[in-house]
Amino acid sequence: MVFIADYGAGNLRSVHKAFDYLGIKAVVSDRASAMSGCEKVIIPGVGAFGPAMEALNRLGFTEAIREHVDKGRQVLGICLGMQLFLSDSEEMGAHAGLGLLPGKVVHFTSPTDKIPQIGWNSADICRQDSVLFRDIPDHSWFYFVHSFYCCPEEPESVAATTFFAGNNFCSAIEKNGIFAVQFHPEKSSESGLKVLKNFAEC
């Protein structure tokens, strides 16, 4: 069973429909207590970092997610969900994140590229042992929508990078059952569906 957290900041319908298409049972809930019976948890995300963390705290998801990870179970963050996994963010001030991974979320800067990044871009796979990108060709394309990106402090946690605004930024993370992607797999055609399937079956 895949649990999709509803904390008011996620693209829930598209994510749920993607699992339906794959034939994988998934449930959407705003009750953090419902996570306890699920091996796999997804934290989707669309919006701003600060209000999203406030919602996670208010609904009890912050502690539930940390407990889930402490038990050795898998979690996948999507877009803003990925950013929430890090220590802190500079989006509209300083905000503390879930702290599952050391690192910071920073804003793109570029004199030439239009920010936010909206559209398709390729992912350069960094790890041969990647779980999320198993049987996915290197440089496959995924759909992005974001103005901020993750700077994890542990290079070994980076599973893929993507080039934008003059920077090879971290577009996927894998570490000890913690998985995260900056792109939207539910909007990324066959490659994105394969990422979700790989997570559900790992």
N, C-alpha and C. Protein backbone atom coordinates (compact mmCIF):
# COMPACT_ATOMS: atom_id res chain seq x y z
N MET A 1 0.84 -1.20 0.00
CA MET A 1 0.00 0.00 0.00
C MET A 1 0.88 1.25 0.00
N VAL A 2 0.58 2.17 -0.90
CA VAL A 2 1.28 3.45 -0.97
C VAL A 2 0.40 4.52 -0.33
N PHE A 3 0.95 5.25 0.61
CA PHE A 3 0.23 6.33 1.29
C PHE A 3 0.65 7.66 0.67
N ILE A 4 -0.31 8.47 0.21
CA ILE A 4 -0.04 9.79 -0.36
C ILE A 4 -0.56 10.83 0.62
N ALA A 5 0.36 11.63 1.14
CA ALA A 5 0.00 12.60 2.19
C ALA A 5 -0.74 13.80 1.60
N ASP A 6 -1.89 14.07 2.15
CA ASP A 6 -2.68 15.25 1.77
C ASP A 6 -2.53 16.30 2.86
N TYR A 7 -1.66 17.27 2.60
CA TYR A 7 -1.48 18.35 3.56
C TYR A 7 -1.78 19.71 2.92
N GLY A 8 -2.57 19.67 1.84
CA GLY A 8 -3.05 20.88 1.20
C GLY A 8 -2.07 21.52 0.25
N ALA A 9 -0.99 20.83 -0.10
CA ALA A 9 0.01 21.44 -0.97
C ALA A 9 0.53 20.45 -2.01
N GLY A 10 -0.33 19.54 -2.43
CA GLY A 10 0.15 18.51 -3.34
C GLY A 10 -0.72 18.33 -4.57
N ASN A 11 -0.11 17.80 -5.62
CA ASN A 11 -0.83 17.45 -6.85
C ASN A 11 -1.41 16.04 -6.68
N LEU A 12 -2.35 15.92 -5.78
CA LEU A 12 -2.79 14.62 -5.30
C LEU A 12 -3.50 13.79 -6.36
N ARG A 13 -4.38 14.41 -7.10
CA ARG A 13 -5.19 13.64 -8.06
C ARG A 13 -4.32 12.99 -9.13
N SER A 14 -3.36 13.76 -9.65
CA SER A 14 -2.50 13.22 -10.71
C SER A 14 -1.61 12.09 -10.18
N VAL A 15 -1.10 12.25 -8.96
CA VAL A 15 -0.26 11.21 -8.38
C VAL A 15 -1.07 9.94 -8.15
N HIS A 16 -2.27 10.10 -7.59
CA HIS A 16 -3.12 8.95 -7.33
C HIS A 16 -3.50 8.24 -8.62
N LYS A 17 -3.84 9.02 -9.65
CA LYS A 17 -4.22 8.44 -10.94
C LYS A 17 -3.06 7.68 -11.56
N ALA A 18 -1.83 8.16 -11.35
CA ALA A 18 -0.66 7.47 -11.89
C ALA A 18 -0.54 6.07 -11.30
N PHE A 19 -0.77 5.95 -9.99
CA PHE A 19 -0.70 4.63 -9.36
C PHE A 19 -1.86 3.75 -9.80
N ASP A 20 -3.04 4.34 -9.99
CA ASP A 20 -4.17 3.58 -10.53
C ASP A 20 -3.81 2.99 -11.89
N TYR A 21 -3.19 3.80 -12.72
CA TYR A 21 -2.79 3.36 -14.05
C TYR A 21 -1.80 2.20 -13.98
N LEU A 22 -0.90 2.27 -12.99
CA LEU A 22 0.10 1.22 -12.81
C LEU A 22 -0.45 -0.03 -12.14
N GLY A 23 -1.69 0.05 -11.65
CA GLY A 23 -2.28 -1.09 -10.96
C GLY A 23 -1.73 -1.28 -9.55
N ILE A 24 -1.26 -0.19 -8.96
CA ILE A 24 -0.68 -0.24 -7.61
C ILE A 24 -1.65 0.46 -6.64
N LYS A 25 -2.00 -0.22 -5.57
CA LYS A 25 -2.97 0.34 -4.63
C LYS A 25 -2.36 1.50 -3.86
N ALA A 26 -3.06 2.63 -3.87
CA ALA A 26 -2.60 3.82 -3.16
C ALA A 26 -3.79 4.49 -2.49
N VAL A 27 -3.52 5.15 -1.37
CA VAL A 27 -4.56 5.85 -0.63
C VAL A 27 -4.10 7.27 -0.35
N VAL A 28 -5.03 8.23 -0.47
CA VAL A 28 -4.76 9.63 -0.15
C VAL A 28 -5.45 9.95 1.17
N SER A 29 -4.72 10.56 2.10
CA SER A 29 -5.33 10.88 3.40
C SER A 29 -4.65 12.09 4.02
N ASP A 30 -5.44 12.85 4.78
CA ASP A 30 -4.88 13.97 5.55
C ASP A 30 -4.69 13.58 7.02
N ARG A 31 -4.82 12.29 7.30
CA ARG A 31 -4.62 11.80 8.67
C ARG A 31 -3.24 11.16 8.79
N ALA A 32 -2.37 11.80 9.51
CA ALA A 32 -1.01 11.30 9.67
C ALA A 32 -0.99 9.91 10.31
N SER A 33 -1.95 9.62 11.16
CA SER A 33 -1.99 8.32 11.83
C SER A 33 -2.18 7.18 10.84
N ALA A 34 -2.77 7.46 9.67
CA ALA A 34 -3.02 6.43 8.68
C ALA A 34 -1.74 5.95 8.00
N MET A 35 -0.64 6.68 8.20
CA MET A 35 0.64 6.28 7.61
C MET A 35 1.19 5.03 8.25
N SER A 36 0.83 4.76 9.48
CA SER A 36 1.48 3.71 10.26
C SER A 36 1.38 2.32 9.63
N GLY A 37 0.33 2.07 8.85
CA GLY A 37 0.16 0.77 8.25
C GLY A 37 0.71 0.64 6.85
N CYS A 38 1.42 1.66 6.38
CA CYS A 38 1.92 1.68 5.00
C CYS A 38 3.45 1.64 4.96
N GLU A 39 3.99 0.80 4.09
CA GLU A 39 5.44 0.70 3.94
C GLU A 39 5.99 1.85 3.10
N LYS A 40 5.19 2.36 2.17
CA LYS A 40 5.63 3.40 1.25
C LYS A 40 4.80 4.66 1.47
N VAL A 41 5.48 5.80 1.56
CA VAL A 41 4.81 7.08 1.75
C VAL A 41 5.30 8.07 0.70
N ILE A 42 4.37 8.82 0.14
CA ILE A 42 4.73 9.86 -0.83
C ILE A 42 4.32 11.22 -0.28
N ILE A 43 5.28 12.16 -0.33
CA ILE A 43 5.01 13.55 0.04
C ILE A 43 5.07 14.37 -1.25
N PRO A 44 3.92 14.63 -1.87
CA PRO A 44 3.92 15.47 -3.06
C PRO A 44 4.05 16.93 -2.64
N GLY A 45 4.08 17.83 -3.59
CA GLY A 45 4.17 19.22 -3.17
C GLY A 45 4.13 20.21 -4.31
N VAL A 46 3.24 21.19 -4.16
CA VAL A 46 3.16 22.32 -5.07
C VAL A 46 2.90 23.55 -4.20
N GLY A 47 3.75 24.58 -4.31
CA GLY A 47 3.54 25.77 -3.50
C GLY A 47 4.81 26.24 -2.83
N ALA A 48 4.66 26.95 -1.73
CA ALA A 48 5.78 27.57 -1.03
C ALA A 48 6.21 26.74 0.17
N PHE A 49 7.50 26.78 0.47
CA PHE A 49 8.11 25.96 1.51
C PHE A 49 7.53 26.25 2.90
N GLY A 50 7.49 27.52 3.30
CA GLY A 50 7.05 27.88 4.65
C GLY A 50 5.65 27.40 4.97
N PRO A 51 4.65 27.78 4.17
CA PRO A 51 3.29 27.31 4.44
C PRO A 51 3.16 25.79 4.39
N ALA A 52 3.94 25.14 3.53
CA ALA A 52 3.89 23.68 3.47
C ALA A 52 4.37 23.05 4.77
N MET A 53 5.47 23.57 5.32
CA MET A 53 5.96 23.05 6.60
C MET A 53 4.97 23.32 7.72
N GLU A 54 4.34 24.48 7.69
CA GLU A 54 3.33 24.79 8.71
C GLU A 54 2.19 23.76 8.66
N ALA A 55 1.79 23.40 7.44
CA ALA A 55 0.71 22.42 7.29
C ALA A 55 1.14 21.04 7.77
N LEU A 56 2.36 20.63 7.45
CA LEU A 56 2.86 19.34 7.92
C LEU A 56 2.89 19.29 9.44
N ASN A 57 3.33 20.38 10.05
CA ASN A 57 3.37 20.44 11.51
C ASN A 57 1.97 20.40 12.11
N ARG A 58 1.07 21.17 11.54
CA ARG A 58 -0.28 21.29 12.09
C ARG A 58 -1.03 19.96 12.02
N LEU A 59 -0.83 19.21 10.95
CA LEU A 59 -1.56 17.96 10.74
C LEU A 59 -0.86 16.74 11.34
N GLY A 60 0.30 16.97 11.95
CA GLY A 60 1.01 15.87 12.59
C GLY A 60 1.88 15.04 11.65
N PHE A 61 2.04 15.51 10.41
CA PHE A 61 2.83 14.75 9.44
C PHE A 61 4.33 14.81 9.73
N THR A 62 4.80 15.91 10.30
CA THR A 62 6.24 16.06 10.53
C THR A 62 6.78 14.91 11.36
N GLU A 63 6.16 14.68 12.50
CA GLU A 63 6.62 13.61 13.38
C GLU A 63 6.35 12.23 12.76
N ALA A 64 5.22 12.10 12.08
CA ALA A 64 4.87 10.81 11.48
C ALA A 64 5.86 10.42 10.39
N ILE A 65 6.29 11.39 9.59
CA ILE A 65 7.26 11.12 8.53
C ILE A 65 8.60 10.72 9.13
N ARG A 66 9.03 11.43 10.15
CA ARG A 66 10.31 11.10 10.80
C ARG A 66 10.26 9.70 11.42
N GLU A 67 9.15 9.36 12.05
CA GLU A 67 9.01 8.02 12.64
C GLU A 67 9.01 6.95 11.55
N HIS A 68 8.36 7.24 10.44
CA HIS A 68 8.31 6.31 9.31
C HIS A 68 9.72 6.01 8.82
N VAL A 69 10.54 7.04 8.65
CA VAL A 69 11.92 6.87 8.19
C VAL A 69 12.75 6.13 9.25
N ASP A 70 12.55 6.47 10.51
CA ASP A 70 13.30 5.82 11.59
C ASP A 70 13.04 4.31 11.65
N LYS A 71 11.87 3.89 11.19
CA LYS A 71 11.52 2.47 11.18
C LYS A 71 12.12 1.74 9.96
N GLY A 72 12.83 2.48 9.11
CA GLY A 72 13.44 1.87 7.94
C GLY A 72 12.50 1.75 6.75
N ARG A 73 11.39 2.45 6.77
CA ARG A 73 10.44 2.41 5.67
C ARG A 73 10.76 3.50 4.65
N GLN A 74 10.23 3.33 3.44
CA GLN A 74 10.59 4.22 2.33
C GLN A 74 9.64 5.41 2.21
N VAL A 75 10.22 6.54 1.80
CA VAL A 75 9.44 7.75 1.57
C VAL A 75 9.96 8.40 0.29
N LEU A 76 9.05 8.97 -0.48
CA LEU A 76 9.39 9.66 -1.72
C LEU A 76 8.84 11.08 -1.70
N GLY A 77 9.70 12.06 -1.85
CA GLY A 77 9.28 13.45 -1.96
C GLY A 77 9.26 13.88 -3.41
N ILE A 78 8.20 14.58 -3.81
CA ILE A 78 8.04 15.03 -5.20
C ILE A 78 8.01 16.56 -5.22
N CYS A 79 8.89 17.16 -6.01
CA CYS A 79 8.97 18.61 -6.22
C CYS A 79 9.15 19.33 -4.88
N LEU A 80 8.17 20.10 -4.42
CA LEU A 80 8.28 20.74 -3.12
C LEU A 80 8.49 19.70 -2.02
N GLY A 81 7.90 18.53 -2.19
CA GLY A 81 8.10 17.46 -1.21
C GLY A 81 9.56 17.09 -1.05
N MET A 82 10.32 17.10 -2.16
CA MET A 82 11.75 16.85 -2.09
C MET A 82 12.44 17.93 -1.26
N GLN A 83 12.10 19.19 -1.52
CA GLN A 83 12.74 20.30 -0.83
C GLN A 83 12.47 20.27 0.67
N LEU A 84 11.28 19.83 1.06
CA LEU A 84 10.92 19.76 2.47
C LEU A 84 11.78 18.77 3.25
N PHE A 85 12.40 17.82 2.56
CA PHE A 85 13.24 16.82 3.23
C PHE A 85 14.54 17.42 3.77
N LEU A 86 14.97 18.55 3.23
CA LEU A 86 16.26 19.12 3.60
C LEU A 86 16.16 19.92 4.90
N SER A 87 17.32 20.42 5.36
CA SER A 87 17.39 21.09 6.66
C SER A 87 16.64 22.41 6.69
N ASP A 88 16.84 23.22 5.62
CA ASP A 88 16.20 24.54 5.63
C ASP A 88 16.11 25.10 4.22
N SER A 89 15.32 26.18 4.09
CA SER A 89 15.09 26.82 2.81
C SER A 89 15.17 28.33 2.96
N GLU A 90 15.60 28.99 1.88
CA GLU A 90 15.66 30.45 1.86
C GLU A 90 14.45 31.06 1.14
N GLU A 91 13.44 30.25 0.84
CA GLU A 91 12.28 30.76 0.11
C GLU A 91 11.44 31.68 1.00
N MET A 92 11.35 32.95 0.62
CA MET A 92 10.57 33.94 1.36
C MET A 92 10.95 33.98 2.83
N GLY A 93 12.26 34.03 3.09
CA GLY A 93 12.77 34.03 4.46
C GLY A 93 13.42 32.70 4.79
N ALA A 94 13.82 32.55 6.03
CA ALA A 94 14.47 31.31 6.47
C ALA A 94 13.45 30.39 7.12
N HIS A 95 13.42 29.14 6.66
CA HIS A 95 12.46 28.17 7.19
C HIS A 95 13.16 26.83 7.42
N ALA A 96 12.88 26.21 8.55
CA ALA A 96 13.41 24.87 8.84
C ALA A 96 12.58 23.82 8.14
N GLY A 97 13.27 22.80 7.57
CA GLY A 97 12.58 21.70 6.92
C GLY A 97 12.49 20.48 7.82
N LEU A 98 12.19 19.35 7.23
CA LEU A 98 12.07 18.11 7.99
C LEU A 98 13.41 17.62 8.52
N GLY A 99 14.50 18.01 7.86
CA GLY A 99 15.82 17.62 8.32
C GLY A 99 16.15 16.16 8.11
N LEU A 100 15.50 15.51 7.15
CA LEU A 100 15.82 14.12 6.86
C LEU A 100 17.19 14.01 6.18
N LEU A 101 17.57 15.08 5.47
CA LEU A 101 18.85 15.14 4.78
C LEU A 101 19.48 16.50 5.03
N PRO A 102 20.78 16.54 5.34
CA PRO A 102 21.42 17.84 5.53
C PRO A 102 21.56 18.58 4.21
N GLY A 103 21.21 19.86 4.21
CA GLY A 103 21.31 20.64 3.00
C GLY A 103 20.35 21.81 3.01
N LYS A 104 20.43 22.62 1.97
CA LYS A 104 19.64 23.85 1.90
C LYS A 104 18.93 23.96 0.55
N VAL A 105 17.78 24.62 0.56
CA VAL A 105 17.04 24.91 -0.65
C VAL A 105 17.27 26.37 -1.03
N VAL A 106 17.75 26.60 -2.25
CA VAL A 106 18.13 27.94 -2.69
C VAL A 106 17.43 28.30 -3.99
N HIS A 107 17.46 29.60 -4.31
CA HIS A 107 16.76 30.13 -5.48
C HIS A 107 17.67 30.11 -6.70
N PHE A 108 17.10 29.77 -7.86
CA PHE A 108 17.84 29.89 -9.10
C PHE A 108 18.15 31.37 -9.38
N THR A 109 19.31 31.64 -9.91
CA THR A 109 19.64 32.97 -10.40
C THR A 109 20.25 32.82 -11.79
N SER A 110 19.81 33.65 -12.72
CA SER A 110 20.34 33.57 -14.08
C SER A 110 20.03 34.87 -14.83
N PRO A 111 21.02 35.43 -15.55
CA PRO A 111 20.77 36.62 -16.36
C PRO A 111 20.09 36.30 -17.68
N THR A 112 20.02 35.01 -18.05
CA THR A 112 19.50 34.63 -19.36
C THR A 112 18.30 33.71 -19.30
N ASP A 113 18.30 32.72 -18.40
CA ASP A 113 17.20 31.75 -18.35
C ASP A 113 16.00 32.30 -17.58
N LYS A 114 14.83 32.03 -18.09
CA LYS A 114 13.60 32.47 -17.43
C LYS A 114 13.30 31.57 -16.25
N ILE A 115 13.11 32.19 -15.10
CA ILE A 115 12.81 31.47 -13.86
C ILE A 115 11.37 31.80 -13.45
N PRO A 116 10.54 30.82 -13.10
CA PRO A 116 10.86 29.42 -12.79
C PRO A 116 11.15 28.58 -14.03
N GLN A 117 11.80 27.43 -13.78
CA GLN A 117 11.94 26.44 -14.83
C GLN A 117 10.59 25.74 -14.98
N ILE A 118 10.01 25.83 -16.17
CA ILE A 118 8.74 25.17 -16.45
C ILE A 118 8.89 24.40 -17.75
N GLY A 119 8.78 23.09 -17.68
CA GLY A 119 8.85 22.28 -18.89
C GLY A 119 9.76 21.08 -18.74
N TRP A 120 10.08 20.49 -19.87
CA TRP A 120 10.84 19.24 -19.91
C TRP A 120 12.34 19.50 -19.86
N ASN A 121 13.04 18.65 -19.13
CA ASN A 121 14.49 18.70 -19.05
C ASN A 121 15.00 17.29 -18.76
N SER A 122 16.28 17.07 -19.04
CA SER A 122 16.82 15.72 -18.89
C SER A 122 17.46 15.52 -17.53
N ALA A 123 17.49 14.27 -17.11
CA ALA A 123 18.13 13.90 -15.84
C ALA A 123 19.36 13.05 -16.15
N ASP A 124 20.49 13.49 -15.62
CA ASP A 124 21.74 12.75 -15.77
C ASP A 124 21.93 11.87 -14.54
N ILE A 125 21.83 10.57 -14.73
CA ILE A 125 21.88 9.62 -13.61
C ILE A 125 23.30 9.52 -13.09
N CYS A 126 23.46 9.69 -11.79
CA CYS A 126 24.79 9.72 -11.15
C CYS A 126 25.21 8.38 -10.58
N ARG A 127 24.25 7.48 -10.35
CA ARG A 127 24.55 6.25 -9.63
C ARG A 127 24.08 5.03 -10.40
N GLN A 128 24.99 4.08 -10.57
CA GLN A 128 24.65 2.84 -11.25
C GLN A 128 23.68 1.99 -10.43
N ASP A 129 23.69 2.19 -9.10
CA ASP A 129 22.83 1.40 -8.23
C ASP A 129 21.51 2.09 -7.92
N SER A 130 21.16 3.10 -8.71
CA SER A 130 19.94 3.86 -8.44
C SER A 130 18.71 2.95 -8.47
N VAL A 131 17.87 3.12 -7.46
CA VAL A 131 16.60 2.40 -7.40
C VAL A 131 15.55 3.09 -8.26
N LEU A 132 15.43 4.39 -8.13
CA LEU A 132 14.40 5.14 -8.85
C LEU A 132 14.57 5.05 -10.36
N PHE A 133 15.83 5.04 -10.82
CA PHE A 133 16.10 5.08 -12.26
C PHE A 133 16.44 3.71 -12.84
N ARG A 134 16.10 2.66 -12.13
CA ARG A 134 16.33 1.31 -12.64
C ARG A 134 15.59 1.11 -13.96
N ASP A 135 16.33 0.66 -14.99
CA ASP A 135 15.78 0.40 -16.33
C ASP A 135 15.26 1.66 -17.01
N ILE A 136 15.75 2.82 -16.58
CA ILE A 136 15.44 4.08 -17.25
C ILE A 136 16.73 4.59 -17.90
N PRO A 137 16.73 4.89 -19.19
CA PRO A 137 17.95 5.35 -19.85
C PRO A 137 18.46 6.67 -19.28
N ASP A 138 19.78 6.77 -19.22
CA ASP A 138 20.39 8.04 -18.81
C ASP A 138 19.94 9.15 -19.76
N HIS A 139 19.83 10.36 -19.22
CA HIS A 139 19.42 11.55 -19.97
C HIS A 139 17.94 11.51 -20.38
N SER A 140 17.15 10.67 -19.73
CA SER A 140 15.71 10.68 -20.00
C SER A 140 15.12 12.02 -19.56
N TRP A 141 13.99 12.37 -20.16
CA TRP A 141 13.38 13.67 -19.92
C TRP A 141 12.22 13.57 -18.95
N PHE A 142 12.11 14.61 -18.11
CA PHE A 142 11.06 14.70 -17.09
C PHE A 142 10.52 16.13 -17.05
N TYR A 143 9.35 16.27 -16.43
CA TYR A 143 8.68 17.58 -16.40
C TYR A 143 8.93 18.30 -15.08
N PHE A 144 9.45 19.53 -15.19
CA PHE A 144 9.82 20.35 -14.02
C PHE A 144 8.95 21.60 -13.94
N VAL A 145 8.67 22.02 -12.71
CA VAL A 145 8.06 23.34 -12.43
C VAL A 145 8.61 23.80 -11.08
N HIS A 146 9.62 24.70 -11.09
CA HIS A 146 10.18 25.15 -9.82
C HIS A 146 11.12 26.35 -10.01
N SER A 147 11.21 27.13 -8.93
CA SER A 147 12.12 28.28 -8.88
C SER A 147 13.27 28.05 -7.91
N PHE A 148 13.14 27.06 -7.03
CA PHE A 148 14.15 26.74 -6.02
C PHE A 148 14.65 25.32 -6.26
N TYR A 149 15.85 25.04 -5.77
CA TYR A 149 16.43 23.72 -5.95
C TYR A 149 17.22 23.31 -4.71
N CYS A 150 17.47 22.02 -4.60
CA CYS A 150 18.11 21.46 -3.41
C CYS A 150 19.63 21.40 -3.56
N CYS A 151 20.32 21.75 -2.46
CA CYS A 151 21.78 21.62 -2.37
C CYS A 151 22.10 20.70 -1.20
N PRO A 152 22.04 19.39 -1.41
CA PRO A 152 22.36 18.47 -0.31
C PRO A 152 23.84 18.52 0.04
N GLU A 153 24.14 18.34 1.33
CA GLU A 153 25.52 18.40 1.79
C GLU A 153 26.28 17.10 1.57
N GLU A 154 25.56 16.02 1.28
CA GLU A 154 26.19 14.71 1.09
C GLU A 154 26.14 14.33 -0.39
N PRO A 155 27.25 14.50 -1.12
CA PRO A 155 27.24 14.22 -2.56
C PRO A 155 26.80 12.81 -2.90
N GLU A 156 27.07 11.86 -2.00
CA GLU A 156 26.72 10.47 -2.28
C GLU A 156 25.21 10.23 -2.30
N SER A 157 24.44 11.19 -1.78
CA SER A 157 22.98 11.04 -1.78
C SER A 157 22.35 11.46 -3.11
N VAL A 158 23.11 12.12 -3.97
CA VAL A 158 22.58 12.62 -5.24
C VAL A 158 22.46 11.46 -6.23
N ALA A 159 21.25 11.24 -6.73
CA ALA A 159 21.01 10.16 -7.70
C ALA A 159 20.97 10.67 -9.13
N ALA A 160 20.64 11.95 -9.33
CA ALA A 160 20.60 12.52 -10.67
C ALA A 160 20.78 14.03 -10.59
N THR A 161 21.31 14.60 -11.66
CA THR A 161 21.44 16.05 -11.77
C THR A 161 20.80 16.50 -13.08
N THR A 162 20.46 17.78 -13.13
CA THR A 162 19.85 18.38 -14.31
C THR A 162 20.45 19.76 -14.52
N PHE A 163 20.69 20.13 -15.77
CA PHE A 163 21.30 21.43 -16.06
C PHE A 163 20.23 22.48 -16.34
N PHE A 164 20.30 23.58 -15.58
CA PHE A 164 19.41 24.72 -15.79
C PHE A 164 20.02 25.95 -15.16
N ALA A 165 19.84 27.09 -15.79
CA ALA A 165 20.33 28.38 -15.27
C ALA A 165 21.83 28.32 -14.98
N GLY A 166 22.57 27.67 -15.87
CA GLY A 166 24.01 27.60 -15.72
C GLY A 166 24.50 26.71 -14.60
N ASN A 167 23.64 25.81 -14.13
CA ASN A 167 23.98 25.03 -12.94
C ASN A 167 23.51 23.59 -13.09
N ASN A 168 24.38 22.64 -12.77
CA ASN A 168 23.97 21.24 -12.66
C ASN A 168 23.41 21.03 -11.25
N PHE A 169 22.11 21.15 -11.11
CA PHE A 169 21.51 21.04 -9.79
C PHE A 169 21.06 19.61 -9.52
N CYS A 170 20.88 19.30 -8.25
CA CYS A 170 20.44 17.97 -7.83
C CYS A 170 18.95 17.81 -8.15
N SER A 171 18.64 16.84 -9.01
CA SER A 171 17.24 16.63 -9.38
C SER A 171 16.66 15.33 -8.82
N ALA A 172 17.49 14.53 -8.14
CA ALA A 172 16.99 13.32 -7.47
C ALA A 172 17.94 12.92 -6.36
N ILE A 173 17.36 12.37 -5.30
CA ILE A 173 18.12 11.96 -4.12
C ILE A 173 17.71 10.54 -3.73
N GLU A 174 18.69 9.75 -3.29
CA GLU A 174 18.42 8.43 -2.72
C GLU A 174 19.38 8.21 -1.56
N LYS A 175 18.84 7.92 -0.39
CA LYS A 175 19.68 7.61 0.76
C LYS A 175 18.89 6.87 1.83
N ASN A 176 19.26 5.62 2.09
CA ASN A 176 18.70 4.85 3.20
C ASN A 176 17.17 4.88 3.25
N GLY A 177 16.54 4.62 2.12
CA GLY A 177 15.08 4.59 2.07
C GLY A 177 14.44 5.94 1.85
N ILE A 178 15.23 7.00 1.80
CA ILE A 178 14.73 8.34 1.52
C ILE A 178 14.96 8.62 0.04
N PHE A 179 13.87 8.82 -0.68
CA PHE A 179 13.93 9.08 -2.11
C PHE A 179 13.25 10.42 -2.39
N ALA A 180 13.76 11.14 -3.40
CA ALA A 180 13.16 12.43 -3.73
C ALA A 180 13.50 12.81 -5.16
N VAL A 181 12.55 13.46 -5.83
CA VAL A 181 12.77 13.95 -7.19
C VAL A 181 12.23 15.37 -7.30
N GLN A 182 12.97 16.23 -7.99
CA GLN A 182 12.53 17.60 -8.17
C GLN A 182 11.47 17.71 -9.26
N PHE A 183 11.50 16.79 -10.20
CA PHE A 183 10.51 16.80 -11.28
C PHE A 183 9.21 16.15 -10.83
N HIS A 184 8.21 16.21 -11.70
CA HIS A 184 6.91 15.60 -11.42
C HIS A 184 6.81 14.29 -12.20
N PRO A 185 7.05 13.15 -11.56
CA PRO A 185 6.97 11.88 -12.29
C PRO A 185 5.57 11.60 -12.82
N GLU A 186 4.56 12.06 -12.10
CA GLU A 186 3.19 11.81 -12.52
C GLU A 186 2.82 12.56 -13.79
N LYS A 187 3.66 13.52 -14.20
CA LYS A 187 3.44 14.29 -15.43
C LYS A 187 4.52 14.02 -16.47
N SER A 188 5.34 12.99 -16.24
CA SER A 188 6.53 12.78 -17.07
C SER A 188 6.46 11.53 -17.93
N SER A 189 5.27 11.21 -18.40
CA SER A 189 5.09 10.13 -19.36
C SER A 189 5.65 8.80 -18.84
N GLU A 190 6.15 7.96 -19.75
CA GLU A 190 6.57 6.61 -19.38
C GLU A 190 7.73 6.59 -18.39
N SER A 191 8.69 7.51 -18.56
CA SER A 191 9.84 7.53 -17.64
C SER A 191 9.39 7.88 -16.22
N GLY A 192 8.46 8.83 -16.11
CA GLY A 192 7.96 9.20 -14.79
C GLY A 192 7.18 8.09 -14.13
N LEU A 193 6.35 7.41 -14.91
CA LEU A 193 5.60 6.27 -14.36
C LEU A 193 6.54 5.17 -13.90
N LYS A 194 7.64 4.98 -14.63
CA LYS A 194 8.62 3.96 -14.24
C LYS A 194 9.28 4.33 -12.92
N VAL A 195 9.55 5.61 -12.70
CA VAL A 195 10.10 6.06 -11.41
C VAL A 195 9.15 5.70 -10.28
N LEU A 196 7.86 5.98 -10.45
CA LEU A 196 6.88 5.65 -9.41
C LEU A 196 6.78 4.14 -9.20
N LYS A 197 6.82 3.39 -10.27
CA LYS A 197 6.76 1.92 -10.17
C LYS A 197 7.99 1.39 -9.44
N ASN A 198 9.16 1.93 -9.78
CA ASN A 198 10.39 1.48 -9.12
C ASN A 198 10.33 1.76 -7.62
N PHE A 199 9.79 2.92 -7.25
CA PHE A 199 9.68 3.24 -5.82
C PHE A 199 8.73 2.28 -5.13
N ALA A 200 7.58 2.06 -5.75
CA ALA A 200 6.57 1.20 -5.12
C ALA A 200 7.06 -0.24 -4.96
N GLU A 201 7.97 -0.66 -5.82
CA GLU A 201 8.41 -2.06 -5.79
C GLU A 201 9.76 -2.27 -5.13
N CYS A 202 10.40 -1.19 -4.62
CA CYS A 202 11.73 -1.35 -4.04
C CYS A 202 11.68 -1.97 -2.64
